[in-house]
């Protein structure tokens, strides 16, 4: 029996080292040293009475809820330079006596209040060298006794106004070497015990949001900032870059309030369609844009099937990625109502409302123009009916002219005016050329005369001859053998046996005495027979006139 008890005692003595000190670690009284061992998890069998544990420079990836649940006497825990990216909520809730926690040099990107639950006596917290981008409100609210908070060498871009609430005992805050552009006075207000503030090596945007910090540095900052810490270098705007904030005049720290552009302002869609509306905002610094549902009251159905929100109490914010895009898929009656696009920066806040109406009618003949002409209907990409287009959502061609913005309408009107002016100039040019050609033609034919508005060819008085017989009958004869423009002469002109002298009218020809007219009158009912005259080349026609037989004549009575 004694031998059996001795064996049990020997086995117990051999088991104690394995329970009190993990394999490969070095243990000294209440201290466990397991650094640089390539560990991927928190080692087991650590003595529960241990007060200090070194686990730095390993490959630990996460902290689970059970990893330290048996180590309630820990005062110092060093986990720096690992690969920790996740900590389960309440992972340190059993460490109520912990004074110092080192989590620097890991891959933590999100810090929440649940991570530090139960650490009421924590004095120093190292979170430097992680991937933290922002600190949410009330992150450190349970650390009332924290004296040092090291957040340097992260990627923190924004600090919420309530992010440091609860740190009433904090004496040192290190925010250097982050991506901070601005910081508000409300952020530092809870730090009533602050003695050291480090905010250098950040890309500060020197605008109106830092006006307070510029004044604060000249007053209280003298106590909290060293001479080197007071040199906060501006990164933007460009005109102030590379200048220290204390060197910038207060009147140069300005902002441009946001200006919101939203087109269209009203829209009607059918049930089941999808909707995308973009809200653009300009200003300096660049405004942040979000959408929210401005009203959520009762709805009513109009005679044409349009559902409109009547308004009501309460507001509901719709999720937004910050891009200023409102996206609604599979639209229902509940989506009808007023939406609000809100843009804000340090210079102010701007809001624009957007009204959405839902067409609950299933008829494909519904047109938004029958209810509100200025509400363009979206083209749906859903095959809900035969007349619904499958073109991309929110096609510009589907918008009514009255729904366009003032700038767009002005541009279209100017374009139409320019086209009309171009057309008028073209018509004037064509008319001018036509008149010029007509004038040129008239100049060429100004010597051509026409008789009694009739002509079968060019005619002048040189070809026109008038004859009168003994009975007084008049006739006009065109002599085609004569040139249109005969050469001018001062001599008397002889025409068919008649001599026309200067100054005498062609209607009173003088008969030459050497021309004898011989005529033989026929009996009753008979015809006058032509009798040859003594002048060669003449013949006597039935009217009793001698005409040249060698010339073609046209006779007009």
Protein backbone atom coordinates (compact mmCIF):
# COMPACT_ATOMS: atom_id res chain seq x y z
CA UNK A 1 0.00 0.00 0.00
CA UNK A 2 2.85 2.35 0.83
CA UNK A 3 4.46 1.60 -2.51
CA UNK A 4 1.25 2.47 -4.30
CA UNK A 5 1.01 5.85 -2.54
CA UNK A 6 4.66 6.59 -3.36
CA UNK A 7 4.04 5.93 -7.06
CA UNK A 8 1.08 8.28 -7.10
CA UNK A 9 3.19 11.02 -5.45
CA UNK A 10 5.98 10.62 -7.99
CA UNK A 11 3.52 10.84 -10.89
CA UNK A 12 1.99 13.96 -9.38
CA UNK A 13 5.37 15.66 -9.12
CA UNK A 14 6.06 14.89 -12.81
CA UNK A 15 2.68 16.30 -13.84
CA UNK A 16 3.05 19.65 -12.08
CA UNK A 17 5.50 21.20 -14.58
CA UNK A 18 3.21 20.36 -17.53
CA UNK A 19 0.22 22.05 -15.82
CA UNK A 20 2.05 25.11 -14.43
CA UNK A 21 4.18 25.88 -17.52
CA UNK A 22 3.28 25.11 -21.18
CA UNK A 23 5.68 23.00 -23.20
CA UNK A 24 8.57 25.06 -24.56
CA UNK A 25 7.74 28.12 -22.43
CA UNK A 26 9.78 29.51 -19.57
CA UNK A 27 8.04 30.06 -16.29
CA UNK A 28 9.30 32.13 -13.38
CA UNK A 29 7.19 32.23 -10.25
CA UNK A 30 4.06 34.15 -11.48
CA UNK A 31 5.44 34.97 -14.93
CA UNK A 32 5.07 32.86 -18.09
CA UNK A 33 7.37 33.60 -21.05
CA UNK A 34 6.16 32.13 -24.38
CA UNK A 35 7.45 34.72 -26.82
CA UNK A 36 8.92 33.99 -30.29
CA UNK A 37 7.87 30.36 -30.35
CA UNK A 38 5.74 30.36 -33.53
CA UNK A 39 2.55 29.72 -31.60
CA UNK A 40 -0.72 29.91 -33.56
CA UNK A 41 -3.03 29.66 -30.54
CA UNK A 42 -2.98 30.62 -26.90
CA UNK A 43 -1.14 27.80 -25.07
CA UNK A 44 -2.97 25.57 -22.62
CA UNK A 45 -2.07 24.50 -19.11
CA UNK A 46 -0.96 27.94 -17.95
CA UNK A 47 -0.80 28.24 -14.17
CA UNK A 48 -4.06 29.94 -13.05
CA UNK A 49 -2.20 32.08 -10.57
CA UNK A 50 0.02 33.64 -13.28
CA UNK A 51 0.03 37.42 -13.24
CA UNK A 52 2.22 38.17 -16.28
CA UNK A 53 2.18 36.37 -19.64
CA UNK A 54 4.44 37.18 -22.60
CA UNK A 55 3.04 35.94 -25.93
CA UNK A 56 4.67 38.47 -28.27
CA UNK A 57 6.18 37.73 -31.70
CA UNK A 58 4.11 34.65 -32.47
CA UNK A 59 1.53 33.84 -35.18
CA UNK A 60 -1.61 33.93 -33.07
CA UNK A 61 -4.57 34.84 -35.30
CA UNK A 62 -7.51 35.31 -32.94
CA UNK A 63 -8.50 35.54 -29.29
CA UNK A 64 -11.34 33.26 -28.29
CA UNK A 65 -13.64 33.59 -25.32
CA UNK A 66 -12.13 30.56 -23.58
CA UNK A 67 -8.46 31.41 -24.06
CA UNK A 68 -8.08 33.41 -20.81
CA UNK A 69 -11.20 32.34 -18.94
CA UNK A 70 -9.12 30.53 -16.24
CA UNK A 71 -6.57 33.31 -15.75
CA UNK A 72 -8.35 35.67 -13.40
CA UNK A 73 -5.20 36.95 -11.70
CA UNK A 74 -3.53 38.45 -14.76
CA UNK A 75 -2.07 41.94 -14.37
CA UNK A 76 0.00 42.20 -17.54
CA UNK A 77 -0.73 40.59 -20.92
CA UNK A 78 1.52 41.15 -23.90
CA UNK A 79 0.22 40.01 -27.31
CA UNK A 80 2.05 42.48 -29.57
CA UNK A 81 3.44 41.54 -32.99
CA UNK A 82 1.13 38.66 -33.74
CA UNK A 83 -1.46 38.25 -36.51
CA UNK A 84 -4.55 38.89 -34.43
CA UNK A 85 -7.42 40.15 -36.57
CA UNK A 86 -10.43 39.12 -34.47
CA UNK A 87 -11.27 39.23 -30.81
CA UNK A 88 -14.46 37.59 -29.63
CA UNK A 89 -16.67 39.92 -27.57
CA UNK A 90 -15.96 39.43 -23.87
CA UNK A 91 -12.63 37.68 -24.51
CA UNK A 92 -11.13 39.59 -21.50
CA UNK A 93 -14.16 39.66 -19.25
CA UNK A 94 -12.41 37.41 -16.67
CA UNK A 95 -9.42 39.75 -16.39
CA UNK A 96 -10.86 42.26 -13.96
CA UNK A 97 -7.40 42.87 -12.44
CA UNK A 98 -5.59 43.48 -15.74
CA UNK A 99 -3.55 46.70 -15.71
CA UNK A 100 -1.71 46.63 -19.03
CA UNK A 101 -2.76 45.13 -22.36
CA UNK A 102 -0.54 45.19 -25.42
CA UNK A 103 -2.24 44.47 -28.75
CA UNK A 104 0.00 46.62 -30.93
CA UNK A 105 1.49 45.30 -34.17
CA UNK A 106 -1.45 43.09 -35.12
CA UNK A 107 -4.15 43.19 -37.85
CA UNK A 108 -7.09 44.56 -35.91
CA UNK A 109 -9.25 46.76 -38.12
CA UNK A 110 -12.37 47.22 -35.98
CA UNK A 111 -12.45 48.12 -32.31
CA UNK A 112 -15.69 47.81 -30.36
CA UNK A 113 -16.67 48.34 -26.74
CA UNK A 114 -17.39 44.61 -26.31
CA UNK A 115 -13.71 43.81 -26.76
CA UNK A 116 -12.80 45.53 -23.51
CA UNK A 117 -15.71 44.36 -21.39
CA UNK A 118 -14.62 43.64 -17.80
CA UNK A 119 -11.36 45.65 -17.92
CA UNK A 120 -12.42 48.19 -15.29
CA UNK A 121 -8.90 48.51 -13.84
CA UNK A 122 -6.95 48.74 -17.12
CA UNK A 123 -4.32 51.49 -17.03
CA UNK A 124 -2.45 51.20 -20.33
CA UNK A 125 -3.80 50.03 -23.69
CA UNK A 126 -1.55 49.59 -26.71
CA UNK A 127 -3.36 49.48 -30.08
CA UNK A 128 -0.65 51.04 -32.22
CA UNK A 129 0.40 49.58 -35.56
CA UNK A 130 -2.92 47.94 -36.48
CA UNK A 131 -5.36 48.51 -39.38
CA UNK A 132 -7.92 50.59 -37.51
CA UNK A 133 -9.68 53.08 -39.83
CA UNK A 134 -12.21 54.70 -37.51
CA UNK A 135 -13.26 54.78 -33.88
CA UNK A 136 -16.96 54.42 -33.21
CA UNK A 137 -18.81 56.29 -30.52
CA UNK A 138 -18.48 54.97 -26.95
CA UNK A 139 -15.74 52.50 -27.89
CA UNK A 140 -13.86 53.00 -24.59
CA UNK A 141 -16.78 53.78 -22.30
CA UNK A 142 -15.90 50.97 -19.84
CA UNK A 143 -12.29 52.06 -19.30
CA UNK A 144 -12.76 54.77 -16.68
CA UNK A 145 -9.30 54.15 -15.15
CA UNK A 146 -7.35 54.10 -18.43
CA UNK A 147 -4.41 56.49 -18.30
CA UNK A 148 -2.58 55.85 -21.59
CA UNK A 149 -4.12 55.11 -24.98
CA UNK A 150 -1.69 54.44 -27.83
CA UNK A 151 -3.33 54.59 -31.28
CA UNK A 152 -0.41 55.75 -33.40
CA UNK A 153 0.55 54.19 -36.74
CA UNK A 154 -2.97 53.16 -37.72
CA UNK A 155 -5.14 54.33 -40.62
CA UNK A 156 -7.68 56.26 -38.59
CA UNK A 157 -9.49 58.76 -40.81
CA UNK A 158 -12.31 59.82 -38.52
CA UNK A 159 -12.97 60.20 -34.83
CA UNK A 160 -16.58 60.38 -33.77
CA UNK A 161 -17.58 63.14 -31.37
CA UNK A 162 -18.38 60.49 -28.73
CA UNK A 163 -15.52 58.11 -29.52
CA UNK A 164 -13.51 58.98 -26.39
CA UNK A 165 -16.43 59.29 -23.99
CA UNK A 166 -15.66 57.60 -20.65
CA UNK A 167 -11.91 58.25 -20.65
CA UNK A 168 -12.07 60.67 -17.76
CA UNK A 169 -8.71 59.50 -16.35
CA UNK A 170 -6.79 59.54 -19.62
CA UNK A 171 -3.52 61.46 -19.35
CA UNK A 172 -1.82 60.49 -22.62
CA UNK A 173 -3.42 60.16 -26.07
CA UNK A 174 -1.26 59.30 -29.05
CA UNK A 175 -2.94 59.74 -32.46
CA UNK A 176 0.18 60.48 -34.47
CA UNK A 177 0.92 58.95 -37.89
CA UNK A 178 -2.69 58.26 -38.87
CA UNK A 179 -4.86 59.58 -41.71
CA UNK A 180 -6.74 62.20 -39.73
CA UNK A 181 -7.92 65.17 -41.81
CA UNK A 182 -9.83 66.90 -39.06
CA UNK A 183 -10.84 66.63 -35.45
CA UNK A 184 -13.70 68.32 -33.62
CA UNK A 185 -13.63 70.02 -30.23
CA UNK A 186 -16.32 67.62 -28.96
CA UNK A 187 -13.91 64.72 -29.41
CA UNK A 188 -11.41 66.00 -26.85
CA UNK A 189 -13.96 67.47 -24.44
CA UNK A 190 -14.37 64.26 -22.31
CA UNK A 191 -10.59 64.11 -21.70
CA UNK A 192 -10.60 66.25 -18.57
CA UNK A 193 -7.33 64.73 -17.27
CA UNK A 194 -5.37 64.93 -20.52
CA UNK A 195 -1.75 66.00 -20.12
CA UNK A 196 -0.07 64.80 -23.33
CA UNK A 197 -1.57 64.93 -26.82
CA UNK A 198 0.26 63.69 -29.87
CA UNK A 199 -1.36 64.41 -33.25
CA UNK A 200 1.58 65.03 -35.57
CA UNK A 201 2.19 63.36 -38.96
CA UNK A 202 -1.43 63.46 -40.08
CA UNK A 203 -2.64 64.91 -43.42
CA UNK A 204 -4.51 67.80 -41.85
CA UNK A 205 -7.06 69.67 -43.95
CA UNK A 206 -6.77 73.26 -42.82
CA UNK A 207 -10.30 74.61 -43.23
CA UNK A 208 -12.98 76.04 -40.99
CA UNK A 209 -13.23 72.75 -39.05
CA UNK A 210 -9.78 73.38 -37.55
CA UNK A 211 -10.46 76.98 -36.65
CA UNK A 212 -11.00 75.92 -33.03
CA UNK A 213 -7.78 73.86 -32.96
CA UNK A 214 -5.80 76.84 -34.19
CA UNK A 215 -7.10 78.94 -31.30
CA UNK A 216 -6.80 76.04 -28.84
CA UNK A 217 -3.10 75.56 -29.64
CA UNK A 218 -2.43 79.19 -28.77
CA UNK A 219 -4.20 78.80 -25.43
CA UNK A 220 -4.53 75.36 -23.78
CA UNK A 221 -2.30 73.65 -26.32
CA UNK A 222 0.78 75.23 -24.83
CA UNK A 223 0.37 72.90 -21.85
CA UNK A 224 -0.45 69.71 -23.78
CA UNK A 225 1.74 70.02 -26.85
CA UNK A 226 5.49 70.27 -27.04
CA UNK A 227 7.09 72.70 -29.46
CA UNK A 228 7.42 69.86 -32.00
CA UNK A 229 3.87 68.65 -31.41
CA UNK A 230 2.49 72.13 -32.04
CA UNK A 231 3.79 72.06 -35.62
CA UNK A 232 0.78 70.50 -37.32
CA UNK A 233 1.50 70.62 -41.05
CA UNK A 234 -1.38 71.30 -43.46
CA UNK A 235 -1.83 68.86 -46.30
CA UNK A 236 -4.68 70.69 -48.03
CA UNK A 237 -5.93 72.95 -49.54
CA UNK A 238 -3.00 73.33 -51.94
CA UNK A 239 -2.54 77.02 -51.18
CA UNK A 240 -1.84 76.16 -47.52
CA UNK A 241 0.04 72.89 -47.98
CA UNK A 242 3.35 72.52 -46.13
CA UNK A 243 2.41 75.34 -43.78
CA UNK A 244 2.09 74.81 -40.06
CA UNK A 245 -1.41 75.31 -38.69
CA UNK A 246 -0.12 77.94 -36.26
CA UNK A 247 1.24 79.91 -39.23
CA UNK A 248 -2.10 80.06 -41.05
CA UNK A 249 -4.21 83.19 -40.39
CA UNK A 250 -7.59 82.44 -38.86
CA UNK A 251 -9.41 84.13 -41.77
CA UNK A 252 -7.80 81.66 -44.18
CA UNK A 253 -9.45 78.68 -42.51
CA UNK A 254 -12.65 78.67 -44.60
CA UNK A 255 -15.21 76.17 -45.94
CA UNK A 256 -17.64 76.13 -48.87
CA UNK A 257 -21.15 74.96 -47.85
CA UNK A 258 -22.56 72.02 -49.82
CA UNK A 259 -24.72 72.49 -52.91
CA UNK A 260 -26.99 69.59 -53.87
CA UNK A 261 -28.06 68.75 -57.43
CA UNK A 262 -30.87 66.25 -57.96
CA UNK A 263 -32.64 65.55 -61.26
CA UNK A 264 -35.48 64.71 -61.57
CA UNK A 265 -37.24 65.83 -58.40
CA UNK A 266 -40.39 63.74 -58.99
CA UNK A 267 -40.82 60.32 -60.51
CA UNK A 268 -43.57 57.76 -61.10
CA UNK A 269 -42.80 54.05 -61.47
CA UNK A 270 -44.80 50.89 -61.74
CA UNK A 271 -45.05 48.17 -59.16
CA UNK A 272 -42.15 45.74 -59.35
CA UNK A 273 -39.79 48.08 -61.19
CA UNK A 274 -36.37 49.12 -59.94
CA UNK A 275 -35.19 52.65 -59.32
CA UNK A 276 -31.83 54.40 -59.17
CA UNK A 277 -31.59 58.11 -58.40
CA UNK A 278 -28.24 59.84 -58.02
CA UNK A 279 -27.72 62.85 -55.76
CA UNK A 280 -24.61 64.96 -56.41
CA UNK A 281 -23.18 67.46 -53.95
CA UNK A 282 -20.34 69.95 -54.27
CA UNK A 283 -18.51 71.95 -51.66
CA UNK A 284 -15.29 72.11 -49.63
CA UNK A 285 -14.45 69.93 -47.88
CA UNK A 286 -16.14 67.28 -50.01
CA UNK A 287 -19.64 66.75 -48.58
CA UNK A 288 -20.88 63.42 -47.34
CA UNK A 289 -24.18 62.38 -48.91
CA UNK A 290 -26.91 60.11 -47.57
CA UNK A 291 -30.56 59.38 -48.34
CA UNK A 292 -33.43 59.03 -45.89
CA UNK A 293 -37.17 58.44 -46.10
CA UNK A 294 -38.67 61.72 -45.01
CA UNK A 295 -42.21 60.49 -44.35
CA UNK A 296 -43.89 57.22 -43.66
CA UNK A 297 -47.58 57.89 -43.22
CA UNK A 298 -50.73 56.65 -44.86
CA UNK A 299 -51.01 56.24 -48.60
CA UNK A 300 -53.93 56.80 -50.91
CA UNK A 301 -54.81 55.52 -54.37
CA UNK A 302 -55.64 58.15 -56.97
CA UNK A 303 -58.21 57.53 -59.74
CA UNK A 304 -55.43 56.77 -62.18
CA UNK A 305 -53.80 54.23 -59.90
CA UNK A 306 -50.99 56.43 -58.58
CA UNK A 307 -50.08 55.78 -54.97
CA UNK A 308 -48.86 58.81 -53.03
CA UNK A 309 -47.67 59.14 -49.46
CA UNK A 310 -49.81 61.50 -47.41
CA UNK A 311 -47.06 62.02 -44.85
CA UNK A 312 -46.92 61.10 -41.22
CA UNK A 313 -44.85 61.14 -38.09
CA UNK A 314 -41.47 59.50 -37.72
CA UNK A 315 -38.59 59.12 -40.12
CA UNK A 316 -36.70 56.12 -41.34
CA UNK A 317 -33.20 56.26 -42.72
CA UNK A 318 -32.50 54.07 -45.70
CA UNK A 319 -29.10 52.40 -46.03
CA UNK A 320 -26.65 54.24 -48.22
CA UNK A 321 -23.07 53.54 -49.18
CA UNK A 322 -22.12 57.21 -49.17
CA UNK A 323 -22.09 57.43 -52.96
CA UNK A 324 -25.27 59.52 -53.04
CA UNK A 325 -27.18 56.78 -54.90
CA UNK A 326 -30.73 55.83 -53.92
CA UNK A 327 -31.48 52.30 -55.10
CA UNK A 328 -34.86 50.63 -54.72
CA UNK A 329 -35.51 47.19 -56.20
CA UNK A 330 -38.89 45.54 -56.70
CA UNK A 331 -40.78 48.72 -55.84
CA UNK A 332 -43.91 48.29 -53.73
CA UNK A 333 -46.64 50.62 -52.46
CA UNK A 334 -44.66 51.11 -49.25
CA UNK A 335 -41.90 52.87 -51.19
CA UNK A 336 -44.17 55.76 -52.21
CA UNK A 337 -43.52 59.09 -50.54
CA UNK A 338 -40.91 61.76 -49.98
CA UNK A 339 -37.22 61.02 -49.83
CA UNK A 340 -34.52 63.42 -48.75
CA UNK A 341 -30.97 63.67 -50.04
CA UNK A 342 -28.79 65.24 -47.37
CA UNK A 343 -25.25 66.53 -47.86
CA UNK A 344 -23.10 67.99 -45.13
CA UNK A 345 -19.59 69.17 -44.42
CA UNK A 346 -17.94 71.48 -41.93
CA UNK A 347 -19.49 74.44 -43.77
CA UNK A 348 -23.11 73.40 -43.34
CA UNK A 349 -25.94 71.08 -44.40
CA UNK A 350 -28.03 71.02 -47.59
CA UNK A 351 -31.14 68.93 -48.29
CA UNK A 352 -33.23 68.27 -51.40
CA UNK A 353 -36.49 66.32 -51.46
CA UNK A 354 -37.45 63.69 -54.01
CA UNK A 355 -41.05 62.51 -54.48
CA UNK A 356 -41.82 58.99 -55.62
CA UNK A 357 -45.26 57.88 -56.81
CA UNK A 358 -46.20 54.27 -57.50
CA UNK A 359 -48.51 53.24 -60.33
CA UNK A 360 -50.48 50.29 -58.97
CA UNK A 361 -52.49 49.83 -62.17
CA UNK A 362 -51.70 46.74 -64.20
CA UNK A 363 -52.86 48.36 -67.44
CA UNK A 364 -50.06 48.78 -69.93
CA UNK A 365 -51.71 51.89 -71.41
CA UNK A 366 -51.02 54.05 -68.35
CA UNK A 367 -48.94 57.11 -69.06
CA UNK A 368 -47.46 59.44 -66.45
CA UNK A 369 -48.44 62.39 -68.64
CA UNK A 370 -52.11 61.70 -67.86
CA UNK A 371 -51.49 62.38 -64.20
CA UNK A 372 -48.45 64.64 -63.97
CA UNK A 373 -46.73 65.60 -67.24
CA UNK A 374 -43.53 66.48 -65.46
CA UNK A 375 -43.13 63.01 -63.99
CA UNK A 376 -41.14 60.85 -66.43
CA UNK A 377 -41.77 57.13 -66.24
CA UNK A 378 -38.78 54.88 -65.95
CA UNK A 379 -38.13 52.22 -68.49
CA UNK A 380 -38.20 48.90 -66.70
CA UNK A 381 -35.76 46.09 -67.35
CA UNK A 382 -38.39 43.61 -66.18
CA UNK A 383 -40.63 41.94 -68.78
CA UNK A 384 -43.80 42.98 -66.95
CA UNK A 385 -45.78 43.83 -70.10
CA UNK A 386 -45.38 44.03 -73.82
CA UNK A 387 -44.84 47.79 -73.92
CA UNK A 388 -42.17 47.93 -71.21
CA UNK A 389 -38.75 48.53 -72.70
CA UNK A 390 -35.84 46.26 -71.85
CA UNK A 391 -33.35 49.06 -72.23
CA UNK A 392 -31.08 49.95 -69.28
CA UNK A 393 -32.80 51.39 -66.23
CA UNK A 394 -33.39 55.13 -66.04
CA UNK A 395 -32.92 55.92 -69.73
CA UNK A 396 -32.62 59.65 -70.35
CA UNK A 397 -34.76 59.42 -73.45
CA UNK A 398 -37.77 58.55 -71.32
CA UNK A 399 -37.75 61.87 -69.44
CA UNK A 400 -40.22 64.62 -70.29
CA UNK A 401 -38.79 68.02 -71.20
CA UNK A 402 -40.46 69.71 -68.25
CA UNK A 403 -38.77 67.28 -65.87
CA UNK A 404 -35.32 68.37 -66.95
CA UNK A 405 -33.35 70.89 -65.01
CA UNK A 406 -33.23 74.58 -65.85
CA UNK A 407 -29.69 74.31 -67.18
CA UNK A 408 -30.60 71.36 -69.42
CA UNK A 409 -33.70 73.12 -70.77
CA UNK A 410 -31.68 76.26 -71.50
CA UNK A 411 -29.03 74.24 -73.37
CA UNK A 412 -31.69 72.53 -75.50
CA UNK A 413 -33.38 75.88 -76.31
CA UNK A 414 -30.07 77.44 -77.33
CA UNK A 415 -29.32 74.45 -79.59
CA UNK A 416 -32.70 74.72 -81.31
CA UNK A 417 -32.22 78.49 -81.80
CA UNK A 418 -28.82 77.96 -83.39
CA UNK A 419 -30.26 75.37 -85.78
CA UNK A 420 -33.07 77.74 -86.78
CA UNK A 421 -30.61 80.59 -87.36
CA UNK A 422 -28.41 78.36 -89.49
CA UNK A 423 -31.45 77.37 -91.60
CA UNK A 424 -32.43 81.04 -92.14
CA UNK A 425 -28.90 81.95 -93.20
CA UNK A 426 -28.89 79.06 -95.66
CA UNK A 427 -32.22 80.15 -97.20
CA UNK A 428 -30.99 83.75 -97.50
CA UNK A 429 -27.81 82.60 -99.22
CA UNK A 430 -29.75 80.47 -101.75
CA UNK A 431 -32.16 83.37 -102.49
CA UNK A 432 -29.27 85.82 -102.96
CA UNK A 433 -27.54 83.53 -105.43
CA UNK A 434 -30.81 83.04 -107.34
CA UNK A 435 -31.33 86.82 -107.64
CA UNK A 436 -27.75 87.29 -108.85
CA UNK A 437 -28.17 84.67 -111.57
CA UNK A 438 -31.47 86.24 -112.69
CA UNK A 439 -29.83 89.66 -112.88
CA UNK A 440 -27.00 88.31 -114.99
CA UNK A 441 -29.51 86.75 -117.41
CA UNK A 442 -31.45 90.02 -117.71
CA UNK A 443 -28.24 91.93 -118.53
CA UNK A 444 -27.46 89.56 -121.37
CA UNK A 445 -30.95 89.88 -122.92
CA UNK A 446 -31.61 93.57 -122.32
CA UNK A 447 -31.46 94.27 -126.12
CA UNK A 448 -34.07 91.61 -126.91
CA UNK A 449 -37.65 92.81 -127.40
CA UNK A 450 -40.85 90.89 -127.39
CA UNK A 451 -43.98 91.94 -129.29
CA UNK A 452 -47.33 91.90 -127.45
CA UNK A 453 -45.83 89.59 -124.80
CA UNK A 454 -45.32 86.96 -127.46
CA UNK A 455 -42.24 85.74 -129.24
CA UNK A 456 -41.12 82.56 -130.91
CA UNK A 457 -37.53 83.75 -130.86
CA UNK A 458 -35.46 86.92 -130.41
CA UNK A 459 -36.97 89.84 -132.34
CA UNK A 460 -35.86 93.46 -132.96
CA UNK A 461 -37.23 96.34 -135.00
CA UNK A 462 -34.58 95.51 -137.60
CA UNK A 463 -36.59 92.36 -138.47
CA UNK A 464 -40.04 93.84 -137.91
CA UNK A 465 -41.71 95.40 -140.99
CA UNK A 466 -45.22 96.80 -141.24
CA UNK A 467 -47.14 96.86 -144.51
CA UNK A 468 -50.42 98.52 -145.55
CA UNK A 469 -52.31 97.74 -148.76
CA UNK A 470 -54.50 100.08 -150.73
CA UNK A 471 -57.52 99.20 -148.64
CA UNK A 472 -55.72 100.19 -145.44
CA UNK A 473 -55.16 96.70 -144.09
CA UNK A 474 -52.10 96.53 -141.82
CA UNK A 475 -49.77 93.58 -141.38
CA UNK A 476 -46.45 92.93 -139.59
CA UNK A 477 -43.76 90.97 -141.41
CA UNK A 478 -40.69 89.36 -139.70
CA UNK A 479 -37.75 89.18 -142.04
CA UNK A 480 -35.59 86.33 -140.64
CA UNK A 481 -32.88 86.98 -143.19
CA UNK A 482 -31.90 90.23 -141.54
CA UNK A 483 -29.50 90.18 -138.60
CA UNK A 484 -30.86 90.88 -135.08
CA UNK A 485 -28.49 93.79 -134.60
CA UNK A 486 -27.72 95.27 -138.06
CA UNK A 487 -24.78 97.63 -138.41
CA UNK A 488 -25.72 101.26 -137.97
CA UNK A 489 -25.78 103.40 -141.15
CA UNK A 490 -26.73 106.95 -141.99
CA UNK A 491 -27.82 106.12 -145.51
CA UNK A 492 -31.42 105.54 -146.48
CA UNK A 493 -32.69 102.00 -146.14
CA UNK A 494 -34.58 100.34 -148.98
CA UNK A 495 -37.02 97.62 -148.04
CA UNK A 496 -38.85 95.56 -150.64
CA UNK A 497 -39.09 98.39 -153.12
CA UNK A 498 -39.97 100.99 -150.46
CA UNK A 499 -37.49 103.62 -149.40
CA UNK A 500 -37.58 104.61 -145.68
CA UNK A 501 -35.89 107.87 -145.09
CA UNK A 502 -34.62 109.27 -141.81
CA UNK A 503 -37.22 110.90 -139.73
CA UNK A 504 -40.16 109.14 -141.46
CA UNK A 505 -42.35 106.66 -139.65
CA UNK A 506 -42.22 103.10 -140.93
CA UNK A 507 -45.99 103.16 -141.12
CA UNK A 508 -45.84 105.68 -144.07
CA UNK A 509 -43.59 104.13 -146.71
CA UNK A 510 -42.70 106.11 -149.81
CA UNK A 511 -43.10 104.10 -153.06
CA UNK A 512 -40.20 104.46 -155.47
CA UNK A 513 -41.26 105.67 -158.90
CA UNK A 514 -39.25 102.92 -160.67
CA UNK A 515 -41.37 100.21 -159.16
CA UNK A 516 -44.56 99.65 -160.97
CA UNK A 517 -47.39 97.80 -159.41
CA UNK A 518 -49.34 95.74 -161.87
CA UNK A 519 -52.42 94.10 -160.67
CA UNK A 520 -55.14 92.25 -162.39
CA UNK A 521 -58.34 92.04 -160.55
CA UNK A 522 -60.32 88.87 -161.00
CA UNK A 523 -63.93 88.84 -161.75
CA UNK A 524 -66.55 88.17 -159.15
CA UNK A 525 -65.53 85.17 -157.16
CA UNK A 526 -62.22 85.03 -158.95
CA UNK A 527 -58.72 85.30 -157.54
CA UNK A 528 -56.04 87.82 -158.26
CA UNK A 529 -53.39 86.33 -160.45
CA UNK A 530 -49.83 87.20 -159.63
CA UNK A 531 -48.20 89.26 -162.36
CA UNK A 532 -44.44 89.50 -162.57
CA UNK A 533 -43.04 92.97 -162.02
CA UNK A 534 -40.21 94.51 -163.92
CA UNK A 535 -38.02 94.40 -160.84
CA UNK A 536 -36.33 91.03 -160.83
CA UNK A 537 -36.77 88.88 -157.78
CA UNK A 538 -40.18 90.20 -156.73
CA UNK A 539 -43.56 88.48 -156.91
CA UNK A 540 -47.10 89.70 -156.40
CA UNK A 541 -49.17 87.87 -153.76
CA UNK A 542 -52.94 87.77 -153.47
CA UNK A 543 -52.96 91.01 -151.47
CA UNK A 544 -51.30 92.88 -154.29
CA UNK A 545 -47.89 93.38 -152.56
CA UNK A 546 -44.58 92.65 -154.17
CA UNK A 547 -42.38 90.57 -151.85
CA UNK A 548 -38.85 89.29 -152.23
CA UNK A 549 -38.99 85.64 -153.24
CA UNK A 550 -35.56 84.86 -151.78
CA UNK A 551 -36.45 85.66 -148.13
CA UNK A 552 -38.55 83.68 -145.58
CA UNK A 553 -41.35 85.68 -144.09
CA UNK A 554 -43.68 85.35 -141.10
CA UNK A 555 -46.81 87.42 -141.35
CA UNK A 556 -48.75 88.38 -138.19
CA UNK A 557 -52.07 90.24 -138.55
